[in-house]
Amino acid sequence: MSETLKIGKGQSVSATTTFPDGSKFGYVLSVEGEGVRAGVALHTGQGMQQGLHQLSVTVPKHLAVRWSESTDVALGGDEPINVDGLQVLIEKDFDCVSPRAGEEDVDTFPNPSLTNC
């Protein structure tokens, strides 16, 4: 199931990237509550999450459902969410206009640029 469909069904999505120096950055997008909230945290505990810098964004279910079922590109409109000066914009992934080595068009949406070619 695509991440967009999961969000529309009220499920959380997350991912983590580990950099060559061993530092980690992740995100979690959760569906709950009445408003859009965001924050950044550093996990200092033990285990797999230790040292993980994580961006957390929470959106209300009505907004998540509307976005997942529409042709809207950005979640919550064209304005980014402000997190302590960092602007976060959550968007659907589009198909690549030109094939790129190592890139897949999995879980993507038709690219509007391709319809105008």
Protein backbone atom coordinates (compact mmCIF):
# COMPACT_ATOMS: atom_id res chain seq x y z
CA MET A 1 0.00 0.00 0.00
CA SER A 2 1.34 3.45 -0.89
CA GLU A 3 2.30 5.92 1.82
CA THR A 4 -0.39 8.31 0.58
CA LEU A 5 -3.08 5.62 0.98
CA LYS A 6 -1.75 4.73 4.47
CA ILE A 7 -2.00 8.37 5.52
CA GLY A 8 -5.54 8.55 4.14
CA LYS A 9 -6.47 5.50 6.23
CA GLY A 10 -5.12 7.17 9.38
CA GLN A 11 -1.88 5.19 9.55
CA SER A 12 1.53 6.68 10.33
CA VAL A 13 4.43 6.56 7.89
CA SER A 14 8.09 6.93 8.76
CA ALA A 15 11.59 6.50 7.40
CA THR A 16 15.16 6.86 8.61
CA THR A 17 18.37 7.65 6.74
CA THR A 18 21.81 6.84 8.12
CA PHE A 19 24.65 9.06 6.93
CA PRO A 20 28.25 7.85 6.34
CA ASP A 21 29.37 9.26 9.71
CA GLY A 22 26.72 7.13 11.46
CA SER A 23 24.36 9.99 12.29
CA LYS A 24 20.68 9.35 11.61
CA PHE A 25 17.78 11.49 10.48
CA GLY A 26 14.20 10.32 10.32
CA TYR A 27 10.66 11.48 10.01
CA VAL A 28 7.27 10.28 11.13
CA LEU A 29 3.99 11.57 9.75
CA SER A 30 1.07 10.73 12.06
CA VAL A 31 -2.66 11.21 11.66
CA GLU A 32 -4.41 12.34 14.84
CA GLY A 33 -5.88 15.31 16.64
CA GLU A 34 -7.49 18.45 15.29
CA GLY A 35 -4.62 20.60 14.08
CA VAL A 36 -1.33 20.39 12.23
CA ARG A 37 1.65 20.11 14.58
CA ALA A 38 5.34 19.56 14.00
CA GLY A 39 8.54 19.27 15.98
CA VAL A 40 12.09 18.00 15.97
CA ALA A 41 13.61 15.71 18.60
CA LEU A 42 16.92 14.01 19.33
CA HIS A 43 16.54 10.53 20.79
CA THR A 44 19.19 10.04 23.46
CA GLY A 45 18.07 6.63 24.79
CA GLN A 46 19.51 3.21 24.10
CA GLY A 47 19.11 0.94 21.09
CA MET A 48 18.22 1.59 17.47
CA GLN A 49 16.78 5.08 18.10
CA GLN A 50 19.84 6.39 19.98
CA GLY A 51 21.23 9.50 18.29
CA LEU A 52 18.31 9.77 15.86
CA HIS A 53 17.27 13.29 14.93
CA GLN A 54 13.59 12.98 14.06
CA LEU A 55 11.10 15.33 12.45
CA SER A 56 7.54 14.58 13.60
CA VAL A 57 4.49 15.97 11.81
CA THR A 58 0.91 15.31 12.90
CA VAL A 59 -2.13 16.12 10.76
CA PRO A 60 -5.85 15.71 11.47
CA LYS A 61 -7.64 12.78 9.81
CA HIS A 62 -10.05 14.93 7.78
CA LEU A 63 -7.10 16.70 6.16
CA ALA A 64 -5.22 13.43 5.53
CA VAL A 65 -8.27 11.78 3.92
CA ARG A 66 -9.00 14.77 1.68
CA TRP A 67 -5.36 14.95 0.51
CA SER A 68 -5.05 11.22 -0.17
CA GLU A 69 -8.25 11.12 -2.24
CA SER A 70 -7.66 14.31 -4.24
CA THR A 71 -5.35 15.55 -6.96
CA ASP A 72 -3.86 18.06 -4.48
CA VAL A 73 -0.08 17.83 -4.52
CA ALA A 74 0.76 19.32 -1.11
CA LEU A 75 -0.77 18.27 2.20
CA GLY A 76 -2.53 21.25 3.73
CA GLY A 77 -2.17 23.54 0.74
CA ASP A 78 0.80 25.31 -0.79
CA GLU A 79 2.07 26.83 2.47
CA PRO A 80 4.81 24.91 4.30
CA ILE A 81 4.58 23.96 7.97
CA ASN A 82 7.02 26.03 10.06
CA VAL A 83 9.10 24.03 12.57
CA ASP A 84 11.41 26.35 14.51
CA GLY A 85 12.32 28.23 11.33
CA LEU A 86 12.47 25.10 9.16
CA GLN A 87 9.75 25.04 6.52
CA VAL A 88 8.31 21.58 5.81
CA LEU A 89 6.11 20.87 2.80
CA ILE A 90 4.66 17.38 2.44
CA GLU A 91 3.96 16.49 -1.19
CA LYS A 92 3.05 13.50 -3.29
CA ASP A 93 5.90 12.03 -5.37
CA PHE A 94 5.66 12.41 -9.14
CA ASP A 95 6.99 10.10 -11.87
CA CYS A 96 10.43 11.16 -13.13
CA VAL A 97 10.33 13.25 -16.31
CA SER A 98 13.54 11.60 -17.53
CA PRO A 99 14.75 8.15 -16.45
CA ARG A 100 17.58 8.33 -13.89
CA ALA A 101 19.92 5.54 -12.86
CA GLY A 102 18.93 4.06 -9.51
CA GLU A 103 15.53 5.80 -9.40
CA GLU A 104 12.23 3.96 -9.50
CA ASP A 105 8.77 5.32 -10.13
CA VAL A 106 7.28 3.20 -7.36
CA ASP A 107 4.46 4.76 -5.31
CA THR A 108 4.39 7.84 -7.54
CA PHE A 109 1.73 9.90 -9.26
CA PRO A 110 1.51 10.97 -12.91
CA ASN A 111 3.78 13.94 -13.49
CA PRO A 112 1.79 16.95 -14.75
CA SER A 113 4.85 18.04 -16.77
CA LEU A 114 4.50 14.92 -18.90
CA THR A 115 0.94 15.77 -19.94
CA ASN A 116 2.11 19.09 -21.39
CA CYS A 117 4.89 17.64 -23.57
